[in-house]
Amino acid sequence: MIEKVIGRLFGSQRLSYRRLLAWLASCGFFAAGLLDGDGWVAITITYVGTDAAARALGAWRSGG
């Protein structure tokens, strides 16, 4: 059920739960005042970039 809701929210894009969790956690820390804007951006970019690199490597290894 959760996958259907996420699929509807983000359309055909595949959104990994790890990226979503990292983004939600950093938003929570930012809202609580435990993280500044620069830290929020750094955390989000790190997790998104890591996930993108892993997907690219997987696609390269599988030949597609």
Protein backbone atom coordinates (compact mmCIF):
# COMPACT_ATOMS: atom_id res chain seq x y z
CA MET A 1 0.00 0.00 0.00
CA ILE A 2 2.81 2.41 0.85
CA GLU A 3 4.47 1.67 -2.49
CA LYS A 4 1.25 2.61 -4.30
CA VAL A 5 1.05 5.91 -2.45
CA ILE A 6 4.71 6.71 -3.16
CA GLY A 7 4.23 5.67 -6.78
CA ARG A 8 1.31 8.04 -7.12
CA LEU A 9 3.18 10.90 -5.49
CA PHE A 10 6.31 10.57 -7.58
CA GLY A 11 4.91 9.18 -10.84
CA SER A 12 7.05 6.79 -12.81
CA GLN A 13 10.28 7.79 -11.08
CA ARG A 14 11.75 5.12 -8.87
CA LEU A 15 12.44 6.56 -5.46
CA SER A 16 14.52 4.49 -3.13
CA TYR A 17 13.43 4.30 0.45
CA ARG A 18 16.97 5.11 1.55
CA ARG A 19 16.88 8.48 -0.19
CA LEU A 20 13.43 9.18 1.17
CA LEU A 21 14.45 8.25 4.70
CA ALA A 22 17.60 10.38 4.51
CA TRP A 23 15.62 13.33 3.25
CA LEU A 24 12.94 12.93 5.94
CA ALA A 25 15.54 12.55 8.69
CA SER A 26 17.45 15.62 7.57
CA CYS A 27 14.18 17.58 7.35
CA GLY A 28 13.35 16.49 10.89
CA PHE A 29 16.76 17.57 12.18
CA PHE A 30 16.42 20.86 10.31
CA ALA A 31 12.94 21.48 11.73
CA ALA A 32 14.17 20.68 15.25
CA GLY A 33 16.99 23.19 14.88
CA LEU A 34 19.68 20.50 15.11
CA LEU A 35 20.85 21.07 11.54
CA ASP A 36 21.43 24.24 9.54
CA GLY A 37 20.55 24.69 5.88
CA ASP A 38 24.05 23.91 4.65
CA GLY A 39 24.11 20.66 6.60
CA TRP A 40 20.70 19.70 5.24
CA VAL A 41 21.89 20.22 1.67
CA ALA A 42 25.12 18.30 2.29
CA ILE A 43 23.31 15.29 3.77
CA THR A 44 20.71 15.19 1.04
CA ILE A 45 23.24 15.53 -1.78
CA THR A 46 25.44 12.84 -0.24
CA TYR A 47 22.67 10.27 -0.05
CA VAL A 48 21.17 11.11 -3.42
CA GLY A 49 24.61 11.04 -5.05
CA THR A 50 25.53 7.76 -3.39
CA ASP A 51 22.33 6.13 -4.54
CA ALA A 52 22.74 7.46 -8.08
CA ALA A 53 26.32 6.19 -8.26
CA ALA A 54 25.25 2.74 -7.06
CA ARG A 55 22.51 2.58 -9.68
CA ALA A 56 24.86 3.72 -12.43
CA LEU A 57 27.43 1.11 -11.46
CA GLY A 58 24.76 -1.59 -11.41
CA ALA A 59 23.54 -0.58 -14.86
CA TRP A 60 27.09 -0.52 -16.18
CA ARG A 61 27.85 -3.96 -14.80
CA SER A 62 24.70 -5.44 -16.29
CA GLY A 63 25.52 -3.96 -19.67
CA GLY A 64 22.56 -1.68 -19.89
